[in-house]
Protein backbone atom coordinates (compact mmCIF):
# COMPACT_ATOMS: atom_id res chain seq x y z
CA MET A 1 -0.41 -0.18 -0.08
CA ASP A 2 1.54 3.32 -0.85
CA ASN A 3 1.81 6.00 1.43
CA SER A 4 -1.47 8.33 -0.17
CA ALA A 5 -3.66 4.86 0.43
CA ALA A 6 -2.49 4.77 3.47
CA ASP A 7 -3.50 8.87 4.52
CA THR A 8 -6.01 8.54 2.98
CA GLY A 9 -7.45 5.08 5.14
CA HIS A 10 -6.03 7.05 8.11
CA VAL A 11 -8.54 9.82 6.84
CA ALA A 12 -12.03 7.85 6.05
CA ILE A 13 -10.72 5.93 10.32
CA GLU A 14 -10.45 9.21 12.11
CA LEU A 15 -14.13 10.56 9.81
CA GLY A 16 -15.82 7.70 10.93
CA ARG A 17 -14.46 7.91 14.54
CA LEU A 18 -15.41 11.13 14.61
CA LEU A 19 -18.54 12.44 12.52
CA GLY A 20 -21.19 9.92 15.10
CA PRO A 21 -19.09 11.86 18.73
CA LEU A 22 -19.34 15.50 16.44
CA ARG A 23 -22.22 15.31 15.93
CA ARG A 24 -24.04 14.00 18.87
CA ALA A 25 -22.46 16.61 21.09
CA VAL A 26 -23.17 19.46 19.03
CA LEU A 27 -27.20 18.94 18.95
CA ARG A 28 -26.06 17.80 22.93
CA ALA A 29 -24.45 21.71 23.48
CA THR A 30 -27.27 23.50 20.89
CA ARG A 31 -30.45 21.53 23.74
CA ASN A 32 -28.56 22.68 26.53
CA ALA A 33 -27.62 26.15 25.66
CA GLU A 34 -31.49 26.95 24.48
CA GLY A 35 -33.21 24.92 27.05
CA LEU A 36 -34.66 22.82 23.41
CA PRO A 37 -36.51 19.89 23.83
CA ASP A 38 -34.43 16.52 23.91
CA LEU A 39 -35.48 15.39 20.12
CA PRO A 40 -34.18 12.94 18.33
CA GLU A 41 -32.47 13.91 15.57
CA ALA A 42 -33.62 11.83 12.87
CA GLN A 43 -37.39 14.06 13.80
CA ILE A 44 -34.41 17.06 13.19
CA GLU A 45 -33.74 15.52 10.06
CA LEU A 46 -38.11 14.59 8.82
CA LEU A 47 -38.39 18.99 10.00
CA ARG A 48 -35.03 20.01 7.39
CA ALA A 49 -36.30 18.13 5.27
CA LEU A 50 -40.39 19.20 5.22
CA ALA A 51 -39.49 22.89 5.76
CA ALA A 52 -37.74 22.51 2.85
CA ALA A 53 -40.51 21.74 1.00
CA PRO A 54 -43.32 24.05 1.83
CA GLU A 55 -46.30 22.27 -0.05
CA GLY A 56 -45.10 19.48 1.72
CA LEU A 57 -44.57 15.69 1.09
CA ALA A 58 -45.67 12.41 0.40
CA PRO A 59 -44.43 10.40 3.36
CA ARG A 60 -41.96 7.89 0.54
CA GLU A 61 -40.79 11.16 -0.62
CA ALA A 62 -39.90 12.39 2.26
CA ALA A 63 -38.15 8.80 3.03
CA ALA A 64 -35.98 8.47 -0.44
CA ARG A 65 -35.23 12.38 0.58
CA LEU A 66 -33.67 11.18 4.06
CA ARG A 67 -32.69 8.08 2.16
CA ILE A 68 -34.56 5.94 5.00
CA ALA A 69 -37.57 3.22 5.25
CA PRO A 70 -40.90 3.98 4.54
CA SER A 71 -41.58 2.13 7.94
CA THR A 72 -39.27 4.77 9.38
CA VAL A 73 -41.03 7.91 8.32
CA SER A 74 -44.68 6.49 9.77
CA ASN A 75 -43.14 5.78 13.24
CA LEU A 76 -41.66 9.23 13.40
CA VAL A 77 -45.26 10.59 12.14
CA ARG A 78 -46.97 8.97 14.21
CA ALA A 79 -44.73 10.39 17.02
CA MET A 80 -44.21 13.77 15.65
CA THR A 81 -48.29 13.91 14.65
CA ALA A 82 -48.76 13.48 18.84
CA ALA A 83 -46.47 16.03 19.87
CA GLY A 84 -48.62 19.05 17.05
CA LEU A 85 -44.93 19.19 15.03
CA VAL A 86 -46.58 17.47 12.13
CA GLN A 87 -49.25 17.53 10.15
CA ARG A 88 -50.86 15.20 7.83
CA VAL A 89 -52.79 15.92 5.37
CA PRO A 90 -55.22 14.50 3.69
CA HIS A 91 -55.21 14.14 -0.49
CA PRO A 92 -58.23 15.83 -1.40
CA HIS A 93 -59.18 13.06 -4.11
CA ASN A 94 -57.47 9.83 -2.56
CA LEU A 95 -57.80 9.91 1.51
CA ARG A 96 -55.75 7.15 1.37
CA THR A 97 -52.64 9.89 0.26
CA VAL A 98 -51.60 12.61 2.90
CA THR A 99 -49.39 15.07 3.00
CA LEU A 100 -46.43 15.66 5.65
CA THR A 101 -45.69 19.62 6.62
CA ALA A 102 -43.89 21.22 9.73
CA SER A 103 -46.22 22.67 11.95
CA ALA A 104 -45.24 26.16 12.72
CA GLU A 105 -44.84 24.87 16.25
CA ALA A 106 -42.45 22.29 14.42
CA LEU A 107 -40.87 25.44 12.09
CA ARG A 108 -39.83 27.35 15.01
CA LEU A 109 -38.18 24.69 16.41
CA LEU A 110 -36.38 24.07 13.95
CA GLU A 111 -35.20 27.89 13.67
CA ARG A 112 -34.34 28.12 17.26
CA TYR A 113 -32.21 24.64 16.75
CA ASP A 114 -30.62 26.20 13.93
CA SER A 115 -29.82 29.60 15.75
CA ALA A 116 -28.05 27.59 18.89
CA SER A 117 -26.36 25.20 16.96
CA THR A 118 -25.29 28.16 15.22
CA ALA A 119 -24.17 30.44 17.70
CA THR A 120 -23.17 26.89 19.43
CA LEU A 121 -20.51 25.94 16.61
CA ALA A 122 -19.67 29.08 16.88
CA ARG A 123 -17.91 30.21 19.53
CA ALA A 124 -16.74 26.75 20.70
CA SER A 125 -14.78 27.34 17.05
CA ASP A 126 -14.10 30.81 18.44
CA GLU A 127 -11.86 29.04 21.48
CA LEU A 128 -9.76 26.78 18.68
CA PRO A 129 -6.32 28.42 17.17
CA PRO A 130 -6.06 30.10 14.21
CA THR A 131 -4.99 27.79 12.44
CA ASP A 132 -7.56 25.35 14.00
CA ARG A 133 -10.51 27.82 12.85
CA ALA A 134 -8.29 28.01 9.13
CA ALA A 135 -8.25 24.28 8.45
CA LEU A 136 -12.12 24.01 9.40
CA THR A 137 -12.42 26.55 6.80
CA ALA A 138 -10.29 24.89 4.15
CA ALA A 139 -11.94 21.43 4.73
CA LEU A 140 -16.09 22.70 4.45
CA PRO A 141 -15.89 22.10 0.54
CA ALA A 142 -14.34 19.26 0.93
CA LEU A 143 -16.59 18.14 3.35
CA SER A 144 -19.35 18.97 0.86
CA ARG A 145 -17.53 16.92 -2.05
CA LEU A 146 -17.51 14.38 0.17
CA LEU A 147 -21.37 14.35 1.26
CA LEU A 148 -22.31 14.59 -2.58
CA THR A 149 -20.02 10.76 -3.72
CA LEU A 150 -21.38 9.18 -0.72
CA GLN A 151 -24.65 9.90 -2.08
CA GLN A 152 -24.18 9.66 -5.26
CA GLN A 153 -22.13 6.40 -4.90
CA ASP A 154 -25.79 5.00 -2.79
CA PRO A 155 -27.80 2.70 -4.50
CA SER A 156 -30.65 2.22 -2.39
CA VAL A 157 -31.62 6.25 -3.53
CA ALA A 158 -34.73 6.16 -5.50
CA ARG A 159 -34.89 9.65 -7.56
CA GLN A 160 -38.12 10.75 -7.09
CA PRO A 161 -40.20 12.70 -9.61
CA ALA A 162 -40.88 16.09 -8.52
CA ALA A 163 -44.49 14.83 -9.13
CA ARG A 164 -46.39 11.33 -9.29
CA GLU A 165 -48.56 9.99 -11.21
CA GLY A 166 -52.77 10.65 -9.39
CA HIS A 167 -50.17 13.12 -6.75
CA ASP A 168 -51.39 16.54 -7.34
CA ILE A 169 -48.66 18.86 -5.76
CA SER A 170 -49.95 22.03 -6.56
CA THR A 171 -50.95 24.70 -4.36
CA ASP A 172 -53.41 26.41 -6.20
């Protein structure tokens, strides 16, 4: 194995080791800083997907965007509907079909999470030496490309058309 392969392997090991704990630490610090409810990360991700689609999403569309099983979305929606975070809007012509939307309360919570997360990360970054802050800034484009590469390599991703037959997503 040459040095570049060894370096790639080392980077992969370290990224794998750090990403989960980093993500959890940011979420924990964000909740603590603002006294936010202990929403599971999966619920926050679903809220982000719904907030990015103001017209709402069918459950299968939400599952495809999040790259999770439709049954997982069903379980999330059940809990989040009970908590008043997700609204299930019946399709006007097909009562078996629903569109999921984030409630106004959920959108307010998501805004608070995002604001607190940004502030938390900014405070923590300010405590790092300037060379570390510069390294993080320089790494952002590469991390974005790494995410895109992983998404493109994912064979489970079913490309969803903007609208499916029998599912009118117009907002008239």
